[in-house]
Amino acid sequence: MARDTFIVGRAGAVGPNASATHTTFNENYGTMLQGIEMAPLAEDLATLKQNMAGQATTTEQFNAIAAVSAAEDAARSGDETTVVEKLKAAGTWALDVATKIGVAVATEAIKKASGLA
């Protein structure tokens, strides 16, 4: 008899007749940016955002700018969890631009947030 196979990331319940109630998932990004200070990161992200704004032509690129801007705001307020979340959403174009313009702190943070470092 064949059995069902389930490959899942986070899940509250999996499989036939499975159920879950009152379930909370907590993301812990707290240590992903270890060694990166928020103030210099915010400055690099401001520079990155301005540079990206001059180049953007697609909806995806404008969305990446919004994510970098939100990450900048979060860095200024010391909210590392949101910084990671937004930098992850910024995508590869943000990383490419950051690398090209030489904002080292932002480049490192985007790599770490994306799991590339």
Protein backbone atom coordinates (compact mmCIF):
# COMPACT_ATOMS: atom_id res chain seq x y z
CA MET A 1 0.00 0.00 0.00
CA ALA A 2 1.44 3.36 -1.00
CA ARG A 3 1.73 6.06 1.64
CA ASP A 4 1.42 9.77 1.13
CA THR A 5 4.66 11.72 1.24
CA PHE A 6 4.70 15.26 2.58
CA ILE A 7 7.69 17.56 2.35
CA VAL A 8 7.00 20.70 4.31
CA GLY A 9 8.77 23.67 5.82
CA ARG A 10 6.82 24.89 8.79
CA ALA A 11 3.48 23.26 9.35
CA GLY A 12 0.94 23.01 12.11
CA ALA A 13 -0.56 19.77 10.84
CA VAL A 14 0.18 17.55 7.86
CA GLY A 15 -1.60 14.62 6.30
CA PRO A 16 -5.08 13.20 5.93
CA ASN A 17 -7.46 14.35 8.64
CA ALA A 18 -4.74 16.47 10.29
CA SER A 19 -5.80 19.61 12.09
CA ALA A 20 -4.28 22.29 14.26
CA THR A 21 -5.87 25.00 16.32
CA HIS A 22 -4.51 27.96 18.23
CA THR A 23 -1.12 27.62 16.54
CA THR A 24 1.49 30.36 16.42
CA PHE A 25 4.64 30.37 14.31
CA ASN A 26 7.45 32.67 15.39
CA GLU A 27 10.21 33.62 12.98
CA ASN A 28 13.53 34.30 14.66
CA TYR A 29 15.80 36.38 12.46
CA GLY A 30 17.55 37.90 15.46
CA THR A 31 21.03 36.59 14.78
CA MET A 32 21.12 36.67 10.99
CA LEU A 33 22.76 40.09 10.89
CA GLN A 34 25.29 39.36 13.60
CA GLY A 35 28.22 41.75 13.32
CA ILE A 36 26.30 44.38 11.33
CA GLU A 37 25.55 47.66 13.08
CA MET A 38 22.18 49.22 12.30
CA ALA A 39 23.27 52.88 11.91
CA PRO A 40 25.86 52.27 9.15
CA LEU A 41 23.44 49.81 7.53
CA ALA A 42 20.72 52.46 7.44
CA GLU A 43 23.12 54.89 5.74
CA ASP A 44 24.12 52.31 3.13
CA LEU A 45 20.48 51.43 2.50
CA ALA A 46 19.64 55.11 1.95
CA THR A 47 22.42 55.31 -0.66
CA LEU A 48 21.27 52.05 -2.24
CA LYS A 49 17.65 53.21 -2.37
CA GLN A 50 18.60 56.46 -4.12
CA ASN A 51 20.73 54.63 -6.66
CA MET A 52 18.05 52.04 -7.34
CA ALA A 53 15.42 54.77 -7.78
CA GLY A 54 17.43 56.18 -10.67
CA GLN A 55 17.53 52.83 -12.43
CA ALA A 56 14.13 51.23 -11.82
CA THR A 57 11.88 50.50 -14.79
CA THR A 58 9.83 47.45 -13.80
CA THR A 59 7.24 46.77 -11.13
CA GLU A 60 9.57 44.20 -9.55
CA GLN A 61 12.33 46.81 -9.31
CA PHE A 62 10.02 49.40 -7.74
CA ASN A 63 8.91 46.74 -5.23
CA ALA A 64 12.58 46.10 -4.42
CA ILE A 65 13.06 49.83 -3.77
CA ALA A 66 10.09 49.80 -1.39
CA ALA A 67 11.59 46.82 0.46
CA VAL A 68 14.98 48.54 0.76
CA SER A 69 13.26 51.70 2.00
CA ALA A 70 11.34 49.71 4.63
CA ALA A 71 14.58 47.97 5.66
CA GLU A 72 16.24 51.37 6.01
CA ASP A 73 13.43 52.60 8.28
CA ALA A 74 13.65 49.41 10.34
CA ALA A 75 17.44 49.75 10.66
CA ARG A 76 17.04 53.34 11.89
CA SER A 77 14.65 52.10 14.59
CA GLY A 78 16.83 49.08 15.47
CA ASP A 79 14.29 46.49 14.33
CA GLU A 80 16.60 43.76 13.06
CA THR A 81 13.83 41.24 12.42
CA THR A 82 12.07 43.60 10.00
CA VAL A 83 15.39 44.55 8.38
CA VAL A 84 16.02 40.88 7.56
CA GLU A 85 12.48 40.32 6.33
CA LYS A 86 12.58 43.36 4.03
CA LEU A 87 16.08 42.73 2.70
CA LYS A 88 15.10 39.17 1.88
CA ALA A 89 12.13 40.58 -0.07
CA ALA A 90 14.36 43.10 -1.88
CA GLY A 91 15.78 40.32 -4.02
CA THR A 92 18.75 39.84 -6.27
CA TRP A 93 18.50 43.15 -8.10
CA ALA A 94 19.05 45.00 -4.82
CA LEU A 95 22.07 42.79 -4.14
CA ASP A 96 23.44 43.39 -7.63
CA VAL A 97 23.09 47.16 -7.34
CA ALA A 98 24.54 47.20 -3.80
CA THR A 99 27.56 45.23 -5.01
CA LYS A 100 28.08 47.48 -8.05
CA ILE A 101 27.92 50.76 -6.13
CA GLY A 102 30.10 49.49 -3.28
CA VAL A 103 27.85 49.80 -0.25
CA ALA A 104 29.60 47.03 1.65
CA VAL A 105 27.43 46.98 4.78
CA ALA A 106 24.21 46.76 2.75
CA THR A 107 25.71 44.11 0.47
CA GLU A 108 26.70 41.97 3.46
CA ALA A 109 23.28 42.42 5.10
CA ILE A 110 21.39 41.47 1.93
CA LYS A 111 23.58 38.38 1.51
CA LYS A 112 22.98 37.34 5.12
CA ALA A 113 19.24 38.01 4.93
CA SER A 114 18.98 35.99 1.72
CA GLY A 115 21.03 33.12 3.10
CA LEU A 116 23.88 33.73 0.65
CA ALA A 117 26.56 34.51 3.24
